[in-house]
Protein backbone atom coordinates (compact mmCIF):
# COMPACT_ATOMS: atom_id res chain seq x y z
CA MET A 1 -2.66 -22.60 2.96
CA ILE A 2 -4.39 -19.42 1.80
CA PRO A 3 -1.87 -17.03 0.20
CA THR A 4 -1.24 -13.72 1.96
CA LEU A 5 -0.79 -10.52 -0.04
CA VAL A 6 0.56 -7.44 1.72
CA PHE A 7 0.13 -4.24 -0.29
CA ASP A 8 0.93 -0.55 -0.21
CA ILE A 9 0.42 2.28 -2.68
CA GLU A 10 2.11 5.60 -3.36
CA THR A 11 0.20 8.51 -4.84
CA ILE A 12 0.65 11.98 -6.29
CA PRO A 13 -1.88 14.73 -7.04
CA ASP A 14 -4.12 13.93 -10.02
CA THR A 15 -3.12 17.11 -11.80
CA ASP A 16 -5.05 16.25 -14.98
CA GLY A 17 -8.23 15.77 -13.00
CA LEU A 18 -7.58 18.86 -10.89
CA LYS A 19 -7.03 20.94 -14.02
CA ARG A 20 -10.49 19.90 -15.23
CA LEU A 21 -12.21 20.43 -11.87
CA LEU A 22 -10.54 23.79 -11.25
CA ASP A 23 -11.16 24.92 -14.84
CA LEU A 24 -7.52 25.82 -15.38
CA PRO A 25 -6.03 26.58 -18.82
CA VAL A 26 -5.00 23.52 -20.82
CA ASP A 27 -1.34 24.58 -20.87
CA THR A 28 -1.07 24.88 -17.06
CA THR A 29 1.86 22.74 -15.89
CA ALA A 30 1.34 19.87 -13.47
CA ALA A 31 3.44 21.67 -10.86
CA ASP A 32 1.33 24.81 -11.16
CA VAL A 33 -1.92 22.84 -11.00
CA ALA A 34 -0.78 21.23 -7.75
CA ARG A 35 0.30 24.61 -6.35
CA VAL A 36 -3.14 26.08 -7.09
CA ALA A 37 -4.88 23.10 -5.46
CA PHE A 38 -2.65 23.24 -2.38
CA HIS A 39 -3.15 27.02 -2.10
CA GLN A 40 -6.94 26.71 -2.28
CA ARG A 41 -6.92 24.11 0.47
CA ARG A 42 -4.72 26.28 2.71
CA GLN A 43 -7.02 29.24 2.09
CA ALA A 44 -9.92 27.07 3.25
CA GLY A 45 -8.05 26.20 6.44
CA GLN A 46 -7.33 22.65 5.26
CA SER A 47 -4.12 20.67 4.92
CA GLU A 48 -2.51 20.22 1.53
CA PHE A 49 -3.44 16.51 1.65
CA LEU A 50 -5.86 16.07 -1.24
CA PRO A 51 -9.12 14.09 -1.09
CA LEU A 52 -8.71 10.41 -1.87
CA HIS A 53 -10.38 10.55 -5.29
CA LEU A 54 -7.77 13.10 -6.38
CA GLN A 55 -4.81 10.87 -5.46
CA ARG A 56 -3.22 9.37 -8.58
CA VAL A 57 -1.58 5.97 -8.00
CA VAL A 58 2.03 5.78 -9.21
CA ALA A 59 3.23 2.65 -7.38
CA ILE A 60 1.71 -0.50 -5.91
CA SER A 61 4.10 -2.78 -4.06
CA CYS A 62 3.37 -6.23 -2.70
CA VAL A 63 4.64 -9.06 -0.54
CA LEU A 64 3.16 -12.42 -1.56
CA ARG A 65 3.53 -15.36 0.81
CA GLU A 66 2.38 -18.50 -0.97
CA GLY A 67 3.33 -22.10 -0.21
CA ASP A 68 7.05 -22.20 0.55
CA HIS A 69 7.78 -18.97 -1.28
CA LEU A 70 8.00 -15.27 -0.48
CA ARG A 71 8.13 -12.57 -3.14
CA VAL A 72 8.48 -8.78 -2.92
CA TRP A 73 7.92 -6.60 -5.97
CA SER A 74 6.21 -3.57 -7.47
CA LEU A 75 3.46 -4.11 -10.00
CA GLY A 76 4.02 -3.25 -13.64
CA GLU A 77 6.64 -1.00 -15.15
CA PRO A 78 7.65 2.41 -13.77
CA ASP A 79 5.86 4.24 -16.61
CA GLU A 80 2.78 2.00 -16.70
CA PRO A 81 -0.55 3.88 -16.83
CA GLU A 82 -2.44 4.16 -13.55
CA GLY A 83 -5.43 2.13 -14.71
CA GLU A 84 -3.26 -0.79 -15.76
CA LEU A 85 -1.44 -0.81 -12.41
CA ILE A 86 -4.72 -0.93 -10.54
CA GLN A 87 -6.09 -3.64 -12.82
CA ARG A 88 -2.97 -5.72 -12.16
CA PHE A 89 -3.63 -5.47 -8.43
CA PHE A 90 -7.21 -6.68 -8.69
CA ASP A 91 -6.21 -9.36 -11.22
CA GLY A 92 -3.86 -10.72 -8.54
CA ILE A 93 -6.77 -10.97 -6.11
CA GLU A 94 -8.80 -12.73 -8.80
CA LYS A 95 -5.98 -15.24 -9.36
CA TYR A 96 -4.84 -16.01 -5.81
CA ILE A 97 -7.91 -15.09 -3.68
CA PRO A 98 -5.42 -14.14 -0.95
CA ASN A 99 -5.87 -12.73 2.50
CA LEU A 100 -4.92 -9.07 2.20
CA VAL A 101 -2.78 -7.26 4.78
CA SER A 102 -2.15 -3.52 4.91
CA TRP A 103 -1.23 -0.65 7.19
CA ASN A 104 -4.06 1.87 6.96
CA GLY A 105 -5.31 0.14 3.82
CA GLY A 106 -8.91 0.55 4.91
CA GLY A 107 -8.48 4.26 5.54
CA PHE A 108 -6.37 5.15 2.51
CA ASP A 109 -5.07 2.56 0.03
CA LEU A 110 -8.28 0.69 -0.73
CA PRO A 111 -10.58 3.74 -1.00
CA VAL A 112 -8.04 5.32 -3.37
CA LEU A 113 -7.96 2.12 -5.45
CA HIS A 114 -11.77 2.06 -5.47
CA TYR A 115 -12.13 5.62 -6.75
CA ARG A 116 -9.29 5.43 -9.23
CA GLY A 117 -10.41 2.00 -10.43
CA LEU A 118 -13.87 3.41 -11.09
CA ILE A 119 -12.34 6.25 -13.11
CA HIS A 120 -10.29 3.79 -15.22
CA ASN A 121 -12.97 1.11 -15.83
CA VAL A 122 -11.18 -1.49 -13.69
CA VAL A 123 -12.97 -4.83 -13.30
CA ALA A 124 -12.68 -6.68 -9.95
CA PRO A 125 -15.57 -9.15 -9.40
CA ARG A 126 -13.88 -11.36 -6.80
CA TYR A 127 -12.84 -8.39 -4.70
CA TRP A 128 -16.37 -6.97 -4.60
CA ASP A 129 -18.11 -10.30 -3.95
CA LEU A 130 -20.21 -10.05 -0.77
CA GLY A 131 -21.65 -13.55 -1.08
CA GLU A 132 -23.60 -13.33 -4.31
CA ASP A 133 -21.16 -15.56 -6.23
CA ASP A 134 -19.40 -17.38 -3.38
CA ARG A 135 -21.45 -17.98 -0.24
CA ASP A 136 -18.33 -17.98 1.94
CA PHE A 137 -17.75 -14.34 1.04
CA LYS A 138 -20.95 -13.34 2.83
CA TRP A 139 -19.27 -14.00 6.16
CA ASN A 140 -15.67 -13.15 5.25
CA ASN A 141 -15.03 -10.69 2.44
CA TYR A 142 -12.62 -7.94 1.43
CA ILE A 143 -15.03 -5.09 2.10
CA SER A 144 -16.09 -5.56 5.71
CA ARG A 145 -13.94 -3.76 8.27
CA TYR A 146 -14.19 -6.64 10.73
CA HIS A 147 -13.44 -9.59 8.43
CA MET A 148 -10.01 -11.18 8.21
CA ARG A 149 -9.91 -11.51 4.42
CA HIS A 150 -8.45 -8.02 4.64
CA THR A 151 -6.56 -7.12 7.80
CA ASP A 152 -5.80 -3.43 8.16
CA LEU A 153 -3.24 -4.04 10.88
CA MET A 154 -3.07 -0.43 12.03
CA ASP A 155 -6.84 -0.19 12.34
CA LEU A 156 -7.11 -3.51 14.16
CA LEU A 157 -4.34 -2.79 16.67
CA ALA A 158 -5.93 0.59 17.42
CA MET A 159 -9.26 -1.16 18.12
CA TYR A 160 -10.82 0.79 15.23
CA GLN A 161 -10.28 4.12 17.03
CA GLY A 162 -8.43 6.80 15.09
CA ARG A 163 -6.86 8.27 18.20
CA GLY A 164 -5.09 4.96 18.74
CA ASN A 165 -3.42 4.82 15.31
CA ALA A 166 0.36 4.39 15.30
CA PRO A 167 2.77 5.33 12.48
CA LEU A 168 4.20 2.36 10.60
CA ASN A 169 7.71 3.79 10.75
CA GLN A 170 7.77 4.20 14.52
CA LEU A 171 6.16 0.89 15.39
CA ALA A 172 8.46 -0.98 12.99
CA GLN A 173 11.53 0.59 14.60
CA LEU A 174 10.23 -0.12 18.11
CA CYS A 175 9.94 -3.79 17.11
CA GLY A 176 13.53 -3.81 15.85
CA PHE A 177 12.74 -3.55 12.14
CA PRO A 178 14.29 -0.92 9.82
CA GLY A 179 11.25 1.32 9.32
CA LYS A 180 11.24 3.89 6.53
CA LEU A 181 14.52 4.60 4.78
CA GLY A 182 15.36 7.66 2.68
CA MET A 183 11.82 8.89 2.01
CA ASP A 184 8.35 9.28 3.44
CA GLY A 185 4.95 9.87 1.90
CA SER A 186 5.25 13.66 2.08
CA GLN A 187 8.25 13.55 -0.27
CA VAL A 188 6.72 11.42 -3.02
CA TRP A 189 5.35 14.33 -5.09
CA ASP A 190 8.72 16.12 -5.16
CA ALA A 191 10.49 12.86 -6.00
CA TYR A 192 8.04 12.20 -8.84
CA GLN A 193 8.58 15.68 -10.29
CA ASN A 194 12.33 14.98 -10.22
CA GLY A 195 11.82 11.78 -12.22
CA GLU A 196 12.65 9.51 -9.28
CA ILE A 197 9.93 6.90 -9.87
CA GLU A 198 12.30 4.01 -9.12
CA ALA A 199 13.10 5.54 -5.73
CA ILE A 200 9.36 5.82 -5.05
CA ARG A 201 8.83 2.16 -5.95
CA ASN A 202 11.78 1.13 -3.77
CA TYR A 203 10.36 3.10 -0.85
CA CYS A 204 6.95 1.50 -1.36
CA GLU A 205 8.54 -1.97 -1.36
CA THR A 206 10.30 -1.38 1.95
CA ASP A 207 6.98 -0.23 3.42
CA VAL A 208 5.26 -3.51 2.53
CA VAL A 209 8.14 -5.51 4.04
CA ASN A 210 7.88 -3.50 7.28
CA THR A 211 4.15 -4.22 7.27
CA TRP A 212 4.74 -7.94 6.68
CA LEU A 213 7.24 -8.12 9.53
CA LEU A 214 4.80 -6.44 11.90
CA TYR A 215 2.05 -8.80 10.74
CA LEU A 216 4.27 -11.80 11.51
CA ARG A 217 4.84 -10.43 15.01
CA PHE A 218 1.06 -9.98 15.33
CA GLN A 219 0.49 -13.57 14.21
CA GLN A 220 2.71 -14.72 17.06
CA MET A 221 0.84 -12.48 19.50
CA ARG A 222 -2.49 -14.02 18.51
CA GLY A 223 -1.10 -17.56 18.72
CA VAL A 224 -1.04 -18.39 15.02
CA LEU A 225 2.78 -18.59 14.89
CA THR A 226 4.95 -20.21 17.53
CA PRO A 227 8.30 -18.53 18.34
CA VAL A 228 10.00 -21.18 16.22
CA ALA A 229 7.63 -20.58 13.30
CA LEU A 230 8.10 -16.82 13.62
CA ALA A 231 11.88 -17.22 13.52
CA ARG A 232 11.52 -19.35 10.41
CA GLU A 233 9.35 -16.71 8.70
CA ILE A 234 11.77 -13.93 9.66
CA GLY A 235 14.61 -16.00 8.27
CA LEU A 236 12.74 -16.40 5.00
CA VAL A 237 12.37 -12.63 4.74
CA ARG A 238 16.10 -12.10 5.33
CA GLU A 239 17.00 -14.84 2.85
CA THR A 240 14.64 -13.49 0.19
CA LEU A 241 15.80 -9.88 0.50
CA GLY A 242 19.41 -11.02 0.50
CA SER A 243 18.85 -12.65 -2.90
CA TYR A 244 17.64 -9.37 -4.45
CA ALA A 245 20.05 -7.04 -6.21
CA GLY A 246 18.47 -3.70 -5.33
CA GLY A 247 20.54 -1.29 -3.24
CA HIS A 248 17.49 -0.46 -1.13
CA TRP A 249 17.44 -4.06 0.08
CA GLN A 250 21.08 -3.93 1.08
CA GLU A 251 20.33 -0.75 3.04
CA PHE A 252 17.24 -2.34 4.59
CA LEU A 253 19.18 -5.37 5.76
CA ALA A 254 21.99 -3.19 7.09
CA HIS A 255 19.50 -1.28 9.27
CA TRP A 256 17.78 -4.43 10.53
CA LYS A 257 18.77 -4.90 14.15
């Protein structure tokens, strides 16, 4: 069975890059750099949400379903440099050649990883293969929007129409799953400035589990999983999370209806 890797990233403003692009003094603090960038965008009638190439990756969390096993974790150490985190992600693709699953990964996570990987000299030959090295990748690769080697579940369910996109949190809750707990993406920058990187990683991990649970439900809808098989997969998620010590998993399980 081909392994499945569900992934999610969390980002903050690339204040070092913004300082260079905005020609700010070297001693400008990260908080002030971000304030200047946000102010300029508001003055231009734009939201404070920065362009993707200016999003610095601070967490990458994954669910790996391989063989009889399920694993949930965040890549690297909390203080690991961005480039090394991104290289770890693409090294995992090189090792497992998994099917990727995301929620808005095609619209956000992967483009961010592309830009930031380019900045940090990341190497990812298997990911970028479009059939030159492996003929099978010509017809099913990670790059094409309509191939199943990467399933952006939000994009697919919306029939590739932005107006049909649904928030992960709401759809997860409507399906009886916990949804987001304690944080959302808009709070990550403040949490990072307060030194709460572990809380950011925990939040990212719960997001990938919500995505995995929705994907399992989708696999039943498309006839890949029978109701019995779905129940077995759900049970494996509960069993796996129950074996983890983190308080965020206890909270997640307590909110699972």
